[in-house]
């Protein structure tokens, strides 16, 4: 996948090409002017999300040439309790630049690391060169850091930033709140050995600009991240990272919030440390 890849939008709710998103009452546009119009508008928004959110393009660009881990399509059997219930074990006691570190040297620790690293790699800090490099230093295995930095520097171009509504230097335009957040829903180990693990992280993400007259309103997407980890220096670190769309639930009847409410929520609600 390259930075210019196009992602087709799905057929919409129930295969009709329409959605069930409810607009704010009173006939106002979503986030002050960026109304979700017909199918063409939806396709445009989803294409931007598909290219940007959680580094679909950038991370794939950084890992070009590496194979993605295949995942089971599912046998239809119910998962056992261990695969759905939280362990209750505190995942870490330390952080590096706000990112959890010091995970347990076992499958549970690998899953906790993958979830927390997914949050970091999907954050708005990735659009700032200095903060992006700090994140990569914290979550990528040392032998791969330089390669990730180089490829992501090529991916985060001024044009790339403009496509998501930011200024060319990656800063947020005055009067707007930039939102880029990832929330892991669950994790599973698809391969493991003593010092290596492949973990899939099912996530929901938010991306866009909250503000009056925003042409890139905050939208939601669903995706699964596959992370290959290795145990090095007393912790789990990322070797490769890839992403695919879904599984996505049927859209509900929630009313879209206005720009002020969305910006306020992003500023007031902090994130979590995720544990398996």
Protein backbone atom coordinates (compact mmCIF):
# COMPACT_ATOMS: atom_id res chain seq x y z
CA UNK A 1 0.00 0.00 0.00
CA UNK A 2 1.28 3.44 -0.83
CA UNK A 3 0.31 6.87 0.34
CA UNK A 4 -1.79 7.39 -2.74
CA UNK A 5 -3.90 4.26 -2.37
CA UNK A 6 -7.63 4.80 -2.57
CA UNK A 7 -10.04 3.12 -0.18
CA UNK A 8 -13.58 2.54 -1.38
CA UNK A 9 -16.37 3.26 1.08
CA UNK A 10 -18.76 0.49 1.95
CA UNK A 11 -22.28 0.39 0.60
CA UNK A 12 -23.67 2.15 3.66
CA UNK A 13 -26.20 1.02 6.23
CA UNK A 14 -28.03 -2.11 5.20
CA UNK A 15 -26.40 -2.00 1.75
CA UNK A 16 -28.55 0.94 0.69
CA UNK A 17 -25.72 3.45 0.32
CA UNK A 18 -27.15 5.61 3.12
CA UNK A 19 -26.34 6.04 6.79
CA UNK A 20 -28.43 6.43 9.91
CA UNK A 21 -26.37 9.26 11.42
CA UNK A 22 -28.63 11.81 13.10
CA UNK A 23 -27.75 15.46 12.64
CA UNK A 24 -28.01 18.06 15.42
CA UNK A 25 -31.55 19.26 15.98
CA UNK A 26 -32.59 22.54 14.45
CA UNK A 27 -31.28 21.83 10.98
CA UNK A 28 -27.69 22.85 11.76
CA UNK A 29 -24.80 21.34 9.84
CA UNK A 30 -22.46 18.85 11.47
CA UNK A 31 -19.63 20.76 13.17
CA UNK A 32 -20.76 24.08 11.81
CA UNK A 33 -21.05 23.51 8.09
CA UNK A 34 -19.65 20.14 7.06
CA UNK A 35 -22.97 18.40 6.57
CA UNK A 36 -22.91 14.72 5.76
CA UNK A 37 -24.53 14.90 2.39
CA UNK A 38 -25.15 12.14 -0.06
CA UNK A 39 -23.05 9.15 -0.87
CA UNK A 40 -20.37 11.20 -2.63
CA UNK A 41 -19.68 13.21 0.54
CA UNK A 42 -19.55 10.09 2.67
CA UNK A 43 -17.12 8.44 0.27
CA UNK A 44 -14.85 11.49 0.41
CA UNK A 45 -14.77 11.53 4.22
CA UNK A 46 -14.21 7.80 4.52
CA UNK A 47 -11.42 7.94 1.96
CA UNK A 48 -9.59 10.54 4.08
CA UNK A 49 -10.09 8.44 7.21
CA UNK A 50 -8.97 5.33 5.37
CA UNK A 51 -5.78 7.05 4.25
CA UNK A 52 -4.90 8.69 7.54
CA UNK A 53 -6.45 7.33 10.74
CA UNK A 54 -4.02 5.35 12.82
CA UNK A 55 -1.44 5.51 10.08
CA UNK A 56 -3.11 3.15 7.63
CA UNK A 57 -0.95 4.63 4.92
CA UNK A 58 2.03 5.84 6.92
CA UNK A 59 2.67 2.66 8.87
CA UNK A 60 2.09 0.51 5.81
CA UNK A 61 4.56 2.75 4.01
CA UNK A 62 7.08 2.25 6.81
CA UNK A 63 6.63 -1.52 6.69
CA UNK A 64 6.62 -1.86 2.90
CA UNK A 65 8.03 -5.22 1.91
CA UNK A 66 7.02 -6.96 5.11
CA UNK A 67 4.31 -9.57 5.12
CA UNK A 68 1.14 -9.10 7.14
CA UNK A 69 0.12 -11.75 9.59
CA UNK A 70 -2.92 -13.68 8.49
CA UNK A 71 -5.77 -14.00 10.94
CA UNK A 72 -8.38 -16.67 11.46
CA UNK A 73 -11.74 -15.97 9.90
CA UNK A 74 -13.42 -17.55 12.87
CA UNK A 75 -14.90 -21.00 13.31
CA UNK A 76 -18.14 -19.71 14.78
CA UNK A 77 -17.43 -21.17 18.22
CA UNK A 78 -17.75 -18.97 21.29
CA UNK A 79 -14.52 -17.66 22.83
CA UNK A 80 -13.67 -18.98 26.27
CA UNK A 81 -13.80 -16.73 29.32
CA UNK A 82 -10.05 -16.06 29.31
CA UNK A 83 -10.22 -14.43 25.89
CA UNK A 84 -12.90 -11.92 26.82
CA UNK A 85 -12.39 -11.15 30.52
CA UNK A 86 -9.79 -8.71 31.80
CA UNK A 87 -7.14 -10.36 33.95
CA UNK A 88 -7.24 -7.71 36.65
CA UNK A 89 -3.45 -7.65 36.78
CA UNK A 90 -1.86 -4.20 36.72
CA UNK A 91 -0.03 -4.06 33.37
CA UNK A 92 2.84 -1.69 34.10
CA UNK A 93 4.43 0.48 36.76
CA UNK A 94 6.46 2.83 34.58
CA UNK A 95 6.05 5.10 31.55
CA UNK A 96 8.30 6.67 28.94
CA UNK A 97 7.04 10.01 27.68
CA UNK A 98 3.56 9.14 28.91
CA UNK A 99 3.57 5.74 27.14
CA UNK A 100 3.30 2.66 29.39
CA UNK A 101 6.44 0.50 29.53
CA UNK A 102 7.71 -2.49 31.50
CA UNK A 103 5.20 -5.12 30.38
CA UNK A 104 5.21 -8.70 31.65
CA UNK A 105 7.27 -11.25 29.70
CA UNK A 106 4.25 -13.36 28.77
CA UNK A 107 1.25 -13.35 26.41
CA UNK A 108 -0.74 -11.08 28.68
CA UNK A 109 2.08 -8.56 28.71
CA UNK A 110 2.36 -8.72 24.91
CA UNK A 111 -1.35 -7.99 24.52
CA UNK A 112 -1.17 -5.08 26.97
CA UNK A 113 1.83 -3.67 25.12
CA UNK A 114 0.12 -3.98 21.73
CA UNK A 115 -3.01 -2.19 22.98
CA UNK A 116 -1.10 0.69 24.55
CA UNK A 117 1.25 1.06 21.58
CA UNK A 118 -1.76 1.21 19.25
CA UNK A 119 -3.08 4.17 21.22
CA UNK A 120 0.27 5.98 20.97
CA UNK A 121 0.66 5.36 17.23
CA UNK A 122 -2.88 6.58 16.61
CA UNK A 123 -2.56 9.79 18.59
CA UNK A 124 -2.43 13.37 17.35
CA UNK A 125 1.19 13.54 18.56
CA UNK A 126 2.20 11.54 15.50
CA UNK A 127 1.62 14.64 13.37
CA UNK A 128 4.41 16.51 15.18
CA UNK A 129 7.96 15.49 14.19
CA UNK A 130 9.50 15.86 17.66
CA UNK A 131 6.72 14.01 19.48
CA UNK A 132 6.48 11.37 16.74
CA UNK A 133 10.16 10.51 17.08
CA UNK A 134 9.77 10.23 20.86
CA UNK A 135 6.88 7.79 20.40
CA UNK A 136 8.87 5.68 17.97
CA UNK A 137 11.82 5.57 20.37
CA UNK A 138 9.49 4.29 23.08
CA UNK A 139 7.55 1.61 21.17
CA UNK A 140 9.70 0.40 18.25
CA UNK A 141 12.45 -2.18 18.64
CA UNK A 142 15.83 -0.35 18.56
CA UNK A 143 17.03 -1.91 15.32
CA UNK A 144 13.95 -0.61 13.46
CA UNK A 145 13.64 2.92 14.88
CA UNK A 146 15.77 4.68 12.27
CA UNK A 147 13.87 3.01 9.44
CA UNK A 148 10.51 3.97 10.91
CA UNK A 149 11.61 7.57 11.44
CA UNK A 150 12.86 7.89 7.87
CA UNK A 151 9.78 6.41 6.23
CA UNK A 152 7.31 8.31 8.39
CA UNK A 153 9.14 11.57 7.70
CA UNK A 154 8.49 10.87 4.02
CA UNK A 155 4.84 10.05 4.74
CA UNK A 156 3.98 13.09 6.88
CA UNK A 157 4.35 15.68 4.13
CA UNK A 158 2.75 19.15 4.10
CA UNK A 159 0.19 17.81 1.62
CA UNK A 160 -0.55 14.87 3.89
CA UNK A 161 -1.22 17.24 6.79
CA UNK A 162 -3.46 19.46 4.66
CA UNK A 163 -5.55 16.42 3.68
CA UNK A 164 -6.68 16.03 7.29
CA UNK A 165 -7.29 19.75 7.78
CA UNK A 166 -4.05 20.68 9.54
CA UNK A 167 -1.58 23.38 8.60
CA UNK A 168 1.30 22.27 6.41
CA UNK A 169 3.63 22.03 9.42
CA UNK A 170 1.20 19.70 11.22
CA UNK A 171 -0.13 22.33 13.61
CA UNK A 172 -3.85 22.82 14.19
CA UNK A 173 -5.55 25.82 12.55
CA UNK A 174 -6.64 28.54 14.96
CA UNK A 175 -10.14 28.03 16.33
CA UNK A 176 -10.18 24.26 15.79
CA UNK A 177 -9.46 21.16 17.85
CA UNK A 178 -7.68 18.32 16.06
CA UNK A 179 -8.84 14.85 17.08
CA UNK A 180 -6.90 11.66 16.43
CA UNK A 181 -7.66 8.96 18.97
CA UNK A 182 -7.60 5.17 19.04
CA UNK A 183 -9.54 3.04 21.51
CA UNK A 184 -8.70 -0.68 21.66
CA UNK A 185 -11.78 -2.90 22.00
CA UNK A 186 -9.99 -6.22 22.43
CA UNK A 187 -6.81 -8.15 21.70
CA UNK A 188 -5.78 -11.67 20.75
CA UNK A 189 -2.47 -13.47 20.26
CA UNK A 190 -2.20 -15.21 16.88
CA UNK A 191 1.39 -16.46 17.26
CA UNK A 192 3.88 -16.56 20.11
CA UNK A 193 7.16 -17.95 21.36
CA UNK A 194 9.34 -17.11 24.33
CA UNK A 195 10.60 -13.82 22.89
CA UNK A 196 8.21 -13.07 20.02
CA UNK A 197 4.48 -12.50 19.70
CA UNK A 198 1.98 -11.44 17.07
CA UNK A 199 -1.04 -9.62 18.50
CA UNK A 200 -4.17 -8.36 16.78
CA UNK A 201 -5.85 -5.32 18.32
CA UNK A 202 -9.45 -4.52 17.39
CA UNK A 203 -9.96 -0.76 17.60
CA UNK A 204 -12.32 2.13 17.12
CA UNK A 205 -10.84 5.45 16.05
CA UNK A 206 -11.73 9.14 15.83
CA UNK A 207 -10.22 11.55 13.32
CA UNK A 208 -11.02 15.07 12.22
CA UNK A 209 -11.25 18.76 13.10
CA UNK A 210 -13.83 19.98 15.59
CA UNK A 211 -14.68 23.61 15.01
CA UNK A 212 -17.08 26.04 13.38
CA UNK A 213 -17.26 25.50 9.60
CA UNK A 214 -14.90 22.52 9.69
CA UNK A 215 -14.76 20.71 6.35
CA UNK A 216 -13.20 17.68 8.06
CA UNK A 217 -15.60 16.86 10.93
CA UNK A 218 -14.62 14.19 13.45
CA UNK A 219 -15.57 10.78 12.09
CA UNK A 220 -15.45 7.29 13.52
CA UNK A 221 -13.87 4.18 11.99
CA UNK A 222 -13.22 0.55 12.96
CA UNK A 223 -10.07 -1.39 12.19
CA UNK A 224 -7.82 -4.22 13.33
CA UNK A 225 -4.11 -3.66 13.87
CA UNK A 226 -1.62 -6.52 13.63
CA UNK A 227 1.55 -5.93 15.64
CA UNK A 228 4.60 -8.18 15.68
CA UNK A 229 6.54 -7.77 18.91
CA UNK A 230 9.89 -8.94 20.18
CA UNK A 231 11.24 -9.06 23.72
CA UNK A 232 14.26 -6.79 23.90
CA UNK A 233 15.86 -4.74 26.65
CA UNK A 234 13.42 -6.11 29.21
CA UNK A 235 10.24 -5.11 27.38
CA UNK A 236 8.05 -5.82 24.37
CA UNK A 237 8.80 -3.64 21.32
CA UNK A 238 7.25 -3.40 17.86
CA UNK A 239 8.98 -5.05 14.92
CA UNK A 240 6.24 -4.52 12.31
CA UNK A 241 2.79 -2.93 12.32
CA UNK A 242 -0.04 -3.28 9.80
CA UNK A 243 -3.75 -2.54 9.66
CA UNK A 244 -6.96 -3.66 7.98
CA UNK A 245 -10.52 -2.35 8.07
CA UNK A 246 -13.22 -3.72 10.42
CA UNK A 247 -14.92 -5.54 11.94
CA UNK A 248 -17.38 -2.64 12.01
CA UNK A 249 -20.79 -2.68 13.74
CA UNK A 250 -23.99 -1.39 12.13
CA UNK A 251 -24.19 2.40 12.67
CA UNK A 252 -26.65 3.39 15.37
CA UNK A 253 -29.11 6.26 15.70
CA UNK A 254 -26.84 8.51 17.76
CA UNK A 255 -27.21 12.21 17.04
CA UNK A 256 -23.97 13.83 15.88
CA UNK A 257 -22.68 16.33 18.44
CA UNK A 258 -21.97 19.92 17.56
CA UNK A 259 -18.43 21.31 17.25
CA UNK A 260 -18.30 22.81 20.74
CA UNK A 261 -19.43 19.61 22.45
CA UNK A 262 -16.91 17.51 20.50
CA UNK A 263 -14.01 19.87 21.20
CA UNK A 264 -14.95 20.04 24.89
CA UNK A 265 -15.11 16.25 25.17
CA UNK A 266 -11.68 15.82 23.61
CA UNK A 267 -10.14 18.39 25.94
CA UNK A 268 -11.82 17.13 29.12
CA UNK A 269 -11.76 13.34 28.74
CA UNK A 270 -8.33 11.76 29.13
CA UNK A 271 -7.16 8.37 27.91
CA UNK A 272 -6.46 5.08 29.65
CA UNK A 273 -3.67 2.62 30.23
CA UNK A 274 -4.90 -0.59 28.63
CA UNK A 275 -4.38 -4.02 30.17
CA UNK A 276 -5.28 -7.49 28.99
